[in-house]
Amino acid sequence: PAPSERAPSEPTQPEPQPHPVSVAALIETEFTGGRL
């Protein structure tokens, strides 16, 4: 197969979840505000 068609040599690792008490977790929050 062409290089682009070859399977990766190692499986792609999922991104680690941010610590729930962190600004990274704030960034990933799905904000649901409304009903003013």
All heavy atoms as atom14 arrays in JSON, in Angstrom:
{
  "sequence": "PAPSERAPSEPTQPEPQPHPVSVAALIETEFTGGRL",
  "atom14_mask": [
    [1, 1, 1, 1, 1, 1, 1, 0, 0, 0, 0, 0, 0, 0],
    [1, 1, 1, 1, 1, 0, 0, 0, 0, 0, 0, 0, 0, 0],
    [1, 1, 1, 1, 1, 1, 1, 0, 0, 0, 0, 0, 0, 0],
    [1, 1, 1, 1, 1, 1, 0, 0, 0, 0, 0, 0, 0, 0],
    [1, 1, 1, 1, 1, 1, 1, 1, 1, 0, 0, 0, 0, 0],
    [1, 1, 1, 1, 1, 1, 1, 1, 1, 1, 1, 0, 0, 0],
    [1, 1, 1, 1, 1, 0, 0, 0, 0, 0, 0, 0, 0, 0],
    [1, 1, 1, 1, 1, 1, 1, 0, 0, 0, 0, 0, 0, 0],
    [1, 1, 1, 1, 1, 1, 0, 0, 0, 0, 0, 0, 0, 0],
    [1, 1, 1, 1, 1, 1, 1, 1, 1, 0, 0, 0, 0, 0],
    [1, 1, 1, 1, 1, 1, 1, 0, 0, 0, 0, 0, 0, 0],
    [1, 1, 1, 1, 1, 1, 1, 0, 0, 0, 0, 0, 0, 0],
    [1, 1, 1, 1, 1, 1, 1, 1, 1, 0, 0, 0, 0, 0],
    [1, 1, 1, 1, 1, 1, 1, 0, 0, 0, 0, 0, 0, 0],
    [1, 1, 1, 1, 1, 1, 1, 1, 1, 0, 0, 0, 0, 0],
    [1, 1, 1, 1, 1, 1, 1, 0, 0, 0, 0, 0, 0, 0],
    [1, 1, 1, 1, 1, 1, 1, 1, 1, 0, 0, 0, 0, 0],
    [1, 1, 1, 1, 1, 1, 1, 0, 0, 0, 0, 0, 0, 0],
    [1, 1, 1, 1, 1, 1, 1, 1, 1, 1, 0, 0, 0, 0],
    [1, 1, 1, 1, 1, 1, 1, 0, 0, 0, 0, 0, 0, 0],
    [1, 1, 1, 1, 1, 1, 1, 0, 0, 0, 0, 0, 0, 0],
    [1, 1, 1, 1, 1, 1, 0, 0, 0, 0, 0, 0, 0, 0],
    [1, 1, 1, 1, 1, 1, 1, 0, 0, 0, 0, 0, 0, 0],
    [1, 1, 1, 1, 1, 0, 0, 0, 0, 0, 0, 0, 0, 0],
    [1, 1, 1, 1, 1, 0, 0, 0, 0, 0, 0, 0, 0, 0],
    [1, 1, 1, 1, 1, 1, 1, 1, 0, 0, 0, 0, 0, 0],
    [1, 1, 1, 1, 1, 1, 1, 1, 0, 0, 0, 0, 0, 0],
    [1, 1, 1, 1, 1, 1, 1, 1, 1, 0, 0, 0, 0, 0],
    [1, 1, 1, 1, 1, 1, 1, 0, 0, 0, 0, 0, 0, 0],
    [1, 1, 1, 1, 1, 1, 1, 1, 1, 0, 0, 0, 0, 0],
    [1, 1, 1, 1, 1, 1, 1, 1, 1, 1, 1, 0, 0, 0],
    [1, 1, 1, 1, 1, 1, 1, 0, 0, 0, 0, 0, 0, 0],
    [1, 1, 1, 1, 0, 0, 0, 0, 0, 0, 0, 0, 0, 0],
    [1, 1, 1, 1, 0, 0, 0, 0, 0, 0, 0, 0, 0, 0],
    [1, 1, 1, 1, 1, 1, 1, 1, 1, 1, 1, 0, 0, 0],
    [1, 1, 1, 1, 1, 1, 1, 1, 0, 0, 0, 0, 0, 0]
  ],
  "atom14_positions": [
    [[0.83, -1.21, 0.0], [0.0, 0.0, 0.0], [0.86, 1.25, 0.0], [2.01, 1.24, 0.45], [-0.79, -0.14, 1.31], [0.07, -0.99, 2.18], [0.74, -1.95, 1.25], [0.0, 0.0, 0.0], [0.0, 0.0, 0.0], [0.0, 0.0, 0.0], [0.0, 0.0, 0.0], [0.0, 0.0, 0.0], [0.0, 0.0, 0.0], [0.0, 0.0, 0.0]],
    [[0.27, 2.33, -0.53], [0.95, 3.62, -0.47], [1.09, 4.04, 0.99], [0.32, 3.61, 1.84], [0.13, 4.66, -1.25], [0.0, 0.0, 0.0], [0.0, 0.0, 0.0], [0.0, 0.0, 0.0], [0.0, 0.0, 0.0], [0.0, 0.0, 0.0], [0.0, 0.0, 0.0], [0.0, 0.0, 0.0], [0.0, 0.0, 0.0], [0.0, 0.0, 0.0]],
    [[2.06, 4.92, 1.3], [2.26, 5.31, 2.7], [1.0, 5.83, 3.36], [0.75, 5.58, 4.52], [3.34, 6.41, 2.6], [4.1, 6.07, 1.36], [3.09, 5.47, 0.41], [0.0, 0.0, 0.0], [0.0, 0.0, 0.0], [0.0, 0.0, 0.0], [0.0, 0.0, 0.0], [0.0, 0.0, 0.0], [0.0, 0.0, 0.0], [0.0, 0.0, 0.0]],
    [[0.16, 6.58, 2.62], [-1.06, 7.13, 3.21], [-2.1, 6.07, 3.51], [-3.03, 6.3, 4.26], [-1.67, 8.19, 2.28], [-2.02, 7.58, 1.04], [0.0, 0.0, 0.0], [0.0, 0.0, 0.0], [0.0, 0.0, 0.0], [0.0, 0.0, 0.0], [0.0, 0.0, 0.0], [0.0, 0.0, 0.0], [0.0, 0.0, 0.0], [0.0, 0.0, 0.0]],
    [[-1.96, 4.87, 2.89], [-2.93, 3.81, 3.08], [-2.52, 2.82, 4.16], [-3.3, 1.96, 4.54], [-3.13, 3.05, 1.77], [-3.66, 3.93, 0.64], [-3.68, 3.19, -0.69], [-3.0, 2.15, -0.8], [-4.38, 3.65, -1.58], [0.0, 0.0, 0.0], [0.0, 0.0, 0.0], [0.0, 0.0, 0.0], [0.0, 0.0, 0.0], [0.0, 0.0, 0.0]],
    [[-1.29, 2.94, 4.64], [-0.81, 1.98, 5.61], [-1.42, 2.25, 6.97], [-1.65, 3.39, 7.36], [0.71, 2.06, 5.72], [1.43, 1.59, 4.45], [2.91, 1.83, 4.54], [3.57, 1.49, 3.29], [4.79, 1.92, 2.97], [5.44, 2.71, 3.79], [5.32, 1.57, 1.81], [0.0, 0.0, 0.0], [0.0, 0.0, 0.0], [0.0, 0.0, 0.0]],
    [[-1.66, 1.2, 7.7], [-2.16, 1.35, 9.07], [-1.07, 1.94, 9.93], [0.11, 1.68, 9.72], [-2.6, -0.01, 9.62], [0.0, 0.0, 0.0], [0.0, 0.0, 0.0], [0.0, 0.0, 0.0], [0.0, 0.0, 0.0], [0.0, 0.0, 0.0], [0.0, 0.0, 0.0], [0.0, 0.0, 0.0], [0.0, 0.0, 0.0], [0.0, 0.0, 0.0]],
    [[-1.4, 2.79, 10.9], [-0.36, 3.34, 11.78], [0.34, 2.23, 12.55], [-0.25, 1.2, 12.86], [-1.16, 4.26, 12.74], [-2.56, 3.77, 12.67], [-2.74, 3.22, 11.27], [0.0, 0.0, 0.0], [0.0, 0.0, 0.0], [0.0, 0.0, 0.0], [0.0, 0.0, 0.0], [0.0, 0.0, 0.0], [0.0, 0.0, 0.0], [0.0, 0.0, 0.0]],
    [[1.61, 2.47, 12.82], [2.39, 1.45, 13.5], [1.89, 1.23, 14.92], [2.03, 0.15, 15.47], [3.87, 1.84, 13.52], [4.02, 3.1, 14.15], [0.0, 0.0, 0.0], [0.0, 0.0, 0.0], [0.0, 0.0, 0.0], [0.0, 0.0, 0.0], [0.0, 0.0, 0.0], [0.0, 0.0, 0.0], [0.0, 0.0, 0.0], [0.0, 0.0, 0.0]],
    [[1.3, 2.31, 15.55], [0.75, 2.19, 16.89], [-0.64, 2.79, 16.9], [-0.91, 3.77, 16.19], [1.63, 2.93, 17.91], [3.02, 2.34, 18.05], [3.82, 3.07, 19.1], [3.27, 4.02, 19.7], [4.99, 2.7, 19.31], [0.0, 0.0, 0.0], [0.0, 0.0, 0.0], [0.0, 0.0, 0.0], [0.0, 0.0, 0.0], [0.0, 0.0, 0.0]],
    [[-1.55, 2.25, 17.68], [-2.9, 2.82, 17.74], [-2.87, 4.23, 18.31], [-2.06, 4.55, 19.18], [-3.66, 1.87, 18.67], [-2.59, 1.2, 19.48], [-1.41, 1.1, 18.57], [0.0, 0.0, 0.0], [0.0, 0.0, 0.0], [0.0, 0.0, 0.0], [0.0, 0.0, 0.0], [0.0, 0.0, 0.0], [0.0, 0.0, 0.0], [0.0, 0.0, 0.0]],
    [[-3.73, 5.13, 17.79], [-3.8, 6.5, 18.28], [-4.37, 6.5, 19.69], [-5.43, 5.94, 19.95], [-4.7, 7.34, 17.36], [-4.17, 7.3, 16.04], [-4.78, 8.78, 17.85], [0.0, 0.0, 0.0], [0.0, 0.0, 0.0], [0.0, 0.0, 0.0], [0.0, 0.0, 0.0], [0.0, 0.0, 0.0], [0.0, 0.0, 0.0], [0.0, 0.0, 0.0]],
    [[-3.65, 7.15, 20.61], [-4.09, 7.19, 22.0], [-5.11, 8.32, 22.18], [-4.92, 9.42, 21.66], [-2.9, 7.43, 22.92], [-1.87, 6.32, 22.9], [-2.44, 5.0, 23.4], [-3.22, 4.98, 24.35], [-2.09, 3.91, 22.75], [0.0, 0.0, 0.0], [0.0, 0.0, 0.0], [0.0, 0.0, 0.0], [0.0, 0.0, 0.0], [0.0, 0.0, 0.0]],
    [[-6.21, 8.09, 22.91], [-7.18, 9.16, 23.14], [-6.57, 10.26, 23.99], [-5.69, 10.01, 24.81], [-8.32, 8.44, 23.88], [-7.67, 7.25, 24.52], [-6.57, 6.83, 23.57], [0.0, 0.0, 0.0], [0.0, 0.0, 0.0], [0.0, 0.0, 0.0], [0.0, 0.0, 0.0], [0.0, 0.0, 0.0], [0.0, 0.0, 0.0], [0.0, 0.0, 0.0]],
    [[-7.04, 11.5, 23.78], [-6.57, 12.61, 24.57], [-6.99, 12.41, 26.03], [-8.12, 12.04, 26.3], [-7.16, 13.92, 24.04], [-6.61, 14.36, 22.69], [-5.14, 14.74, 22.78], [-4.72, 15.29, 23.83], [-4.41, 14.48, 21.82], [0.0, 0.0, 0.0], [0.0, 0.0, 0.0], [0.0, 0.0, 0.0], [0.0, 0.0, 0.0], [0.0, 0.0, 0.0]],
    [[-6.09, 12.64, 26.98], [-6.47, 12.49, 28.38], [-7.52, 13.52, 28.77], [-7.5, 14.66, 28.3], [-5.16, 12.71, 29.14], [-4.31, 13.52, 28.2], [-4.69, 13.09, 26.81], [0.0, 0.0, 0.0], [0.0, 0.0, 0.0], [0.0, 0.0, 0.0], [0.0, 0.0, 0.0], [0.0, 0.0, 0.0], [0.0, 0.0, 0.0], [0.0, 0.0, 0.0]],
    [[-8.44, 13.13, 29.62], [-9.45, 14.05, 30.11], [-8.82, 15.04, 31.08], [-8.0, 14.66, 31.91], [-10.57, 13.27, 30.82], [-11.4, 12.41, 29.9], [-12.18, 13.25, 28.89], [-12.81, 14.24, 29.24], [-12.14, 12.84, 27.63], [0.0, 0.0, 0.0], [0.0, 0.0, 0.0], [0.0, 0.0, 0.0], [0.0, 0.0, 0.0], [0.0, 0.0, 0.0]],
    [[-9.18, 16.32, 30.99], [-8.6, 17.28, 31.93], [-9.11, 17.03, 33.34], [-10.19, 16.46, 33.54], [-9.11, 18.63, 31.4], [-10.36, 18.3, 30.65], [-10.12, 16.95, 30.05], [0.0, 0.0, 0.0], [0.0, 0.0, 0.0], [0.0, 0.0, 0.0], [0.0, 0.0, 0.0], [0.0, 0.0, 0.0], [0.0, 0.0, 0.0], [0.0, 0.0, 0.0]],
    [[-8.32, 17.44, 34.29], [-8.75, 17.33, 35.69], [-10.03, 18.14, 35.85], [-10.14, 19.26, 35.34], [-7.65, 17.87, 36.61], [-7.85, 17.53, 38.05], [-8.82, 18.13, 38.83], [-7.21, 16.65, 38.85], [-8.78, 17.63, 40.05], [-7.81, 16.73, 40.1], [0.0, 0.0, 0.0], [0.0, 0.0, 0.0], [0.0, 0.0, 0.0], [0.0, 0.0, 0.0]],
    [[-11.03, 17.61, 36.55], [-12.3, 18.34, 36.67], [-12.16, 19.69, 37.36], [-12.99, 20.58, 37.13], [-13.19, 17.39, 37.47], [-12.26, 16.41, 38.11], [-11.09, 16.28, 37.19], [0.0, 0.0, 0.0], [0.0, 0.0, 0.0], [0.0, 0.0, 0.0], [0.0, 0.0, 0.0], [0.0, 0.0, 0.0], [0.0, 0.0, 0.0], [0.0, 0.0, 0.0]],
    [[-11.14, 19.86, 38.19], [-10.87, 21.16, 38.8], [-9.69, 21.78, 38.07], [-8.54, 21.65, 38.47], [-10.59, 21.02, 40.31], [-10.36, 22.39, 40.94], [-11.75, 20.32, 40.99], [0.0, 0.0, 0.0], [0.0, 0.0, 0.0], [0.0, 0.0, 0.0], [0.0, 0.0, 0.0], [0.0, 0.0, 0.0], [0.0, 0.0, 0.0], [0.0, 0.0, 0.0]],
    [[-9.98, 22.41, 36.95], [-8.93, 23.0, 36.11], [-9.56, 23.96, 35.13], [-10.75, 23.86, 34.81], [-8.15, 21.92, 35.35], [-8.97, 21.29, 34.38], [0.0, 0.0, 0.0], [0.0, 0.0, 0.0], [0.0, 0.0, 0.0], [0.0, 0.0, 0.0], [0.0, 0.0, 0.0], [0.0, 0.0, 0.0], [0.0, 0.0, 0.0], [0.0, 0.0, 0.0]],
    [[-8.75, 24.88, 34.64], [-9.24, 25.79, 33.6], [-9.47, 25.03, 32.3], [-10.36, 25.36, 31.52], [-8.25, 26.96, 33.41], [-8.64, 27.82, 32.22], [-8.2, 27.8, 34.69], [0.0, 0.0, 0.0], [0.0, 0.0, 0.0], [0.0, 0.0, 0.0], [0.0, 0.0, 0.0], [0.0, 0.0, 0.0], [0.0, 0.0, 0.0], [0.0, 0.0, 0.0]],
    [[-8.69, 23.97, 32.07], [-8.92, 23.14, 30.88], [-10.32, 22.54, 30.91], [-10.98, 22.44, 29.87], [-7.87, 22.04, 30.8], [0.0, 0.0, 0.0], [0.0, 0.0, 0.0], [0.0, 0.0, 0.0], [0.0, 0.0, 0.0], [0.0, 0.0, 0.0], [0.0, 0.0, 0.0], [0.0, 0.0, 0.0], [0.0, 0.0, 0.0], [0.0, 0.0, 0.0]],
    [[-10.79, 22.13, 32.08], [-12.15, 21.61, 32.19], [-13.18, 22.71, 31.93], [-14.23, 22.47, 31.32], [-12.37, 20.99, 33.57], [0.0, 0.0, 0.0], [0.0, 0.0, 0.0], [0.0, 0.0, 0.0], [0.0, 0.0, 0.0], [0.0, 0.0, 0.0], [0.0, 0.0, 0.0], [0.0, 0.0, 0.0], [0.0, 0.0, 0.0], [0.0, 0.0, 0.0]],
    [[-12.89, 23.94, 32.38], [-13.78, 25.06, 32.06], [-13.89, 25.24, 30.55], [-14.97, 25.46, 30.01], [-13.23, 26.36, 32.65], [-13.49, 26.69, 34.12], [-12.92, 28.07, 34.42], [-14.97, 26.66, 34.44], [0.0, 0.0, 0.0], [0.0, 0.0, 0.0], [0.0, 0.0, 0.0], [0.0, 0.0, 0.0], [0.0, 0.0, 0.0], [0.0, 0.0, 0.0]],
    [[-12.75, 25.15, 29.88], [-12.72, 25.34, 28.43], [-13.58, 24.31, 27.72], [-14.25, 24.62, 26.72], [-11.26, 25.29, 27.93], [-10.49, 26.53, 28.44], [-11.2, 25.2, 26.41], [-9.0, 26.44, 28.24], [0.0, 0.0, 0.0], [0.0, 0.0, 0.0], [0.0, 0.0, 0.0], [0.0, 0.0, 0.0], [0.0, 0.0, 0.0], [0.0, 0.0, 0.0]],
    [[-13.6, 23.09, 28.23], [-14.37, 22.03, 27.59], [-15.83, 21.98, 28.04], [-16.6, 21.15, 27.56], [-13.71, 20.68, 27.87], [-12.35, 20.54, 27.18], [-11.85, 19.12, 27.14], [-12.57, 18.21, 27.61], [-10.74, 18.9, 26.62], [0.0, 0.0, 0.0], [0.0, 0.0, 0.0], [0.0, 0.0, 0.0], [0.0, 0.0, 0.0], [0.0, 0.0, 0.0]],
    [[-16.22, 22.87, 28.94], [-17.6, 22.88, 29.43], [-18.57, 23.25, 28.31], [-18.31, 24.16, 27.53], [-17.75, 23.89, 30.58], [-16.91, 23.49, 31.66], [-19.19, 23.96, 31.07], [0.0, 0.0, 0.0], [0.0, 0.0, 0.0], [0.0, 0.0, 0.0], [0.0, 0.0, 0.0], [0.0, 0.0, 0.0], [0.0, 0.0, 0.0], [0.0, 0.0, 0.0]],
    [[-19.67, 22.54, 28.24], [-20.75, 22.9, 27.32], [-21.71, 23.79, 28.09], [-22.53, 23.32, 28.88], [-21.46, 21.66, 26.8], [-22.54, 21.97, 25.78], [-23.22, 20.72, 25.25], [-22.73, 19.62, 25.54], [-24.23, 20.87, 24.54], [0.0, 0.0, 0.0], [0.0, 0.0, 0.0], [0.0, 0.0, 0.0], [0.0, 0.0, 0.0], [0.0, 0.0, 0.0]],
    [[-21.61, 25.09, 27.89], [-22.39, 26.03, 28.67], [-23.86, 26.01, 28.25], [-24.18, 25.98, 27.06], [-21.81, 27.44, 28.52], [-20.44, 27.57, 29.13], [-19.3, 27.42, 28.35], [-20.29, 27.79, 30.48], [-18.04, 27.51, 28.91], [-19.03, 27.88, 31.05], [-17.9, 27.75, 30.27], [0.0, 0.0, 0.0], [0.0, 0.0, 0.0], [0.0, 0.0, 0.0]],
    [[-24.73, 26.04, 29.25], [-26.16, 25.87, 28.99], [-26.98, 27.03, 29.54], [-28.17, 26.87, 29.82], [-26.66, 24.55, 29.62], [-26.44, 24.6, 31.04], [-25.92, 23.36, 29.03], [0.0, 0.0, 0.0], [0.0, 0.0, 0.0], [0.0, 0.0, 0.0], [0.0, 0.0, 0.0], [0.0, 0.0, 0.0], [0.0, 0.0, 0.0], [0.0, 0.0, 0.0]],
    [[-26.36, 28.18, 29.73], [-27.06, 29.31, 30.34], [-28.21, 29.83, 29.49], [-28.2, 29.73, 28.26], [0.0, 0.0, 0.0], [0.0, 0.0, 0.0], [0.0, 0.0, 0.0], [0.0, 0.0, 0.0], [0.0, 0.0, 0.0], [0.0, 0.0, 0.0], [0.0, 0.0, 0.0], [0.0, 0.0, 0.0], [0.0, 0.0, 0.0], [0.0, 0.0, 0.0]],
    [[-29.19, 30.38, 30.15], [-30.33, 30.96, 29.46], [-31.45, 31.3, 30.43], [-31.25, 31.43, 31.63], [0.0, 0.0, 0.0], [0.0, 0.0, 0.0], [0.0, 0.0, 0.0], [0.0, 0.0, 0.0], [0.0, 0.0, 0.0], [0.0, 0.0, 0.0], [0.0, 0.0, 0.0], [0.0, 0.0, 0.0], [0.0, 0.0, 0.0], [0.0, 0.0, 0.0]],
    [[-32.64, 31.48, 29.88], [-33.85, 31.74, 30.65], [-33.67, 32.93, 31.59], [-33.95, 32.86, 32.79], [-34.28, 30.5, 31.42], [-34.77, 29.38, 30.52], [-35.0, 28.09, 31.27], [-35.95, 28.26, 32.37], [-36.25, 27.31, 33.26], [-35.65, 26.14, 33.18], [-37.12, 27.54, 34.22], [0.0, 0.0, 0.0], [0.0, 0.0, 0.0], [0.0, 0.0, 0.0]],
    [[-33.21, 34.04, 31.05], [-33.08, 35.27, 31.83], [-34.47, 35.81, 32.15], [-35.27, 36.08, 31.25], [-32.28, 36.3, 31.04], [-32.09, 37.68, 31.69], [-31.32, 37.54, 33.01], [-31.35, 38.6, 30.74], [0.0, 0.0, 0.0], [0.0, 0.0, 0.0], [0.0, 0.0, 0.0], [0.0, 0.0, 0.0], [0.0, 0.0, 0.0], [0.0, 0.0, 0.0]]
  ]
}
